[in-house]
Amino acid sequence: MARFFFHTENGAVRLDTDGVELASEDAAGLEATGLLGALLADSPRGFWDSRRLTVTVADADGQTLFTVEARTRRHVPSN
């Protein structure tokens, strides 16, 4: 088991100082994806106002492994 940390950013950065013990990086990826979905569900207004939400996963050494991200992009209709 390894400890993974899930830092979030939605206009402000929130650092995870506790972490979670998980079996693998794949398990951490699933955890990050679930966390992103839960944060979107809990605060759709916060997401819409900032237009971006990220969950960055780091290992116990503080190395960033990957980021899961949701963002909005406006499209201008073409004539």
C-alpha atoms as a PDB file:
ATOM      1  CA  MET A   1       0.000   0.000   0.000  1.00  0.00           C
ATOM      2  CA  ALA A   2       1.156   3.505  -0.788  1.00  0.00           C
ATOM      3  CA  ARG A   3      -0.081   6.890   0.429  1.00  0.00           C
ATOM      4  CA  PHE A   4      -1.502   9.282  -2.154  1.00  0.00           C
ATOM      5  CA  PHE A   5      -2.446  12.926  -1.674  1.00  0.00           C
ATOM      6  CA  PHE A   6      -5.329  14.602  -3.502  1.00  0.00           C
ATOM      7  CA  HIS A   7      -4.842  18.353  -3.868  1.00  0.00           C
ATOM      8  CA  THR A   8      -7.757  20.318  -5.293  1.00  0.00           C
ATOM      9  CA  GLU A   9      -8.022  23.634  -7.074  1.00  0.00           C
ATOM     10  CA  ASN A  10     -11.213  25.507  -7.863  1.00  0.00           C
ATOM     11  CA  GLY A  11     -10.127  29.121  -7.781  1.00  0.00           C
ATOM     12  CA  ALA A  12      -8.184  28.363  -4.569  1.00  0.00           C
ATOM     13  CA  VAL A  13      -5.717  25.553  -3.890  1.00  0.00           C
ATOM     14  CA  ARG A  14      -6.476  23.093  -1.101  1.00  0.00           C
ATOM     15  CA  LEU A  15      -3.590  20.820  -0.157  1.00  0.00           C
ATOM     16  CA  ASP A  16      -4.348  17.356   1.185  1.00  0.00           C
ATOM     17  CA  THR A  17      -2.077  16.872   4.199  1.00  0.00           C
ATOM     18  CA  ASP A  18      -3.520  13.508   5.278  1.00  0.00           C
ATOM     19  CA  GLY A  19      -3.523  11.415   2.132  1.00  0.00           C
ATOM     20  CA  VAL A  20      -5.106   8.024   1.571  1.00  0.00           C
ATOM     21  CA  GLU A  21      -3.495   4.588   1.525  1.00  0.00           C
ATOM     22  CA  LEU A  22      -4.284   2.814  -1.729  1.00  0.00           C
ATOM     23  CA  ALA A  23      -3.001  -0.258  -3.513  1.00  0.00           C
ATOM     24  CA  SER A  24      -1.794   1.387  -6.733  1.00  0.00           C
ATOM     25  CA  GLU A  25      -1.638   4.450  -8.971  1.00  0.00           C
ATOM     26  CA  ASP A  26      -4.633   3.056 -10.856  1.00  0.00           C
ATOM     27  CA  ALA A  27      -6.595   2.998  -7.592  1.00  0.00           C
ATOM     28  CA  ALA A  28      -5.485   6.591  -6.951  1.00  0.00           C
ATOM     29  CA  GLY A  29      -6.728   7.549 -10.421  1.00  0.00           C
ATOM     30  CA  LEU A  30     -10.139   6.083  -9.695  1.00  0.00           C
ATOM     31  CA  GLU A  31     -10.199   7.872  -6.337  1.00  0.00           C
ATOM     32  CA  ALA A  32      -9.273  11.180  -7.998  1.00  0.00           C
ATOM     33  CA  THR A  33     -11.984  10.752 -10.619  1.00  0.00           C
ATOM     34  CA  GLY A  34     -14.594   9.997  -7.951  1.00  0.00           C
ATOM     35  CA  LEU A  35     -13.458  12.999  -5.907  1.00  0.00           C
ATOM     36  CA  LEU A  36     -13.723  15.268  -8.949  1.00  0.00           C
ATOM     37  CA  GLY A  37     -17.271  14.052  -9.578  1.00  0.00           C
ATOM     38  CA  ALA A  38     -18.252  14.532  -5.937  1.00  0.00           C
ATOM     39  CA  LEU A  39     -16.848  18.065  -5.878  1.00  0.00           C
ATOM     40  CA  LEU A  40     -18.729  18.932  -9.062  1.00  0.00           C
ATOM     41  CA  ALA A  41     -21.952  17.574  -7.573  1.00  0.00           C
ATOM     42  CA  ASP A  42     -21.445  19.385  -4.259  1.00  0.00           C
ATOM     43  CA  SER A  43     -20.608  22.777  -5.740  1.00  0.00           C
ATOM     44  CA  PRO A  44     -21.719  23.250  -9.341  1.00  0.00           C
ATOM     45  CA  ARG A  45     -21.859  27.037  -8.841  1.00  0.00           C
ATOM     46  CA  GLY A  46     -18.249  27.164  -7.626  1.00  0.00           C
ATOM     47  CA  PHE A  47     -17.164  25.197 -10.675  1.00  0.00           C
ATOM     48  CA  TRP A  48     -19.194  27.322 -13.072  1.00  0.00           C
ATOM     49  CA  ASP A  49     -17.835  30.542 -11.586  1.00  0.00           C
ATOM     50  CA  SER A  50     -14.184  29.446 -11.798  1.00  0.00           C
ATOM     51  CA  ARG A  51     -14.633  27.411 -15.024  1.00  0.00           C
ATOM     52  CA  ARG A  52     -12.065  24.859 -13.890  1.00  0.00           C
ATOM     53  CA  LEU A  53     -11.682  22.190 -11.219  1.00  0.00           C
ATOM     54  CA  THR A  54      -8.621  20.002 -10.789  1.00  0.00           C
ATOM     55  CA  VAL A  55      -7.602  17.133  -8.555  1.00  0.00           C
ATOM     56  CA  THR A  56      -3.837  16.654  -8.561  1.00  0.00           C
ATOM     57  CA  VAL A  57      -2.491  13.384  -7.191  1.00  0.00           C
ATOM     58  CA  ALA A  58       0.906  13.296  -5.511  1.00  0.00           C
ATOM     59  CA  ASP A  59       2.864  10.469  -3.922  1.00  0.00           C
ATOM     60  CA  ALA A  60       4.336  10.397  -0.409  1.00  0.00           C
ATOM     61  CA  ASP A  61       7.502  12.111  -1.708  1.00  0.00           C
ATOM     62  CA  GLY A  62       5.442  15.051  -2.968  1.00  0.00           C
ATOM     63  CA  GLN A  63       5.914  14.148  -6.631  1.00  0.00           C
ATOM     64  CA  THR A  64       2.923  14.968  -8.817  1.00  0.00           C
ATOM     65  CA  LEU A  65       1.717  11.825 -10.568  1.00  0.00           C
ATOM     66  CA  PHE A  66      -1.216  13.149 -12.586  1.00  0.00           C
ATOM     67  CA  THR A  67      -4.095  15.595 -12.661  1.00  0.00           C
ATOM     68  CA  VAL A  68      -7.778  14.967 -13.319  1.00  0.00           C
ATOM     69  CA  GLU A  69      -9.501  18.074 -14.611  1.00  0.00           C
ATOM     70  CA  ALA A  70     -12.901  19.459 -15.559  1.00  0.00           C
ATOM     71  CA  ARG A  71     -13.190  22.759 -17.368  1.00  0.00           C
ATOM     72  CA  THR A  72     -15.684  24.712 -19.381  1.00  0.00           C
ATOM     73  CA  ARG A  73     -15.089  26.220 -22.775  1.00  0.00           C
ATOM     74  CA  ARG A  74     -17.457  28.607 -24.470  1.00  0.00           C
ATOM     75  CA  HIS A  75     -17.949  28.334 -28.203  1.00  0.00           C
ATOM     76  CA  VAL A  76     -19.017  31.232 -30.343  1.00  0.00           C
ATOM     77  CA  PRO A  77     -21.584  30.217 -32.941  1.00  0.00           C
ATOM     78  CA  SER A  78     -20.351  30.611 -36.479  1.00  0.00           C
ATOM     79  CA  ASN A  79     -22.457  32.463 -39.022  1.00  0.00           C
END
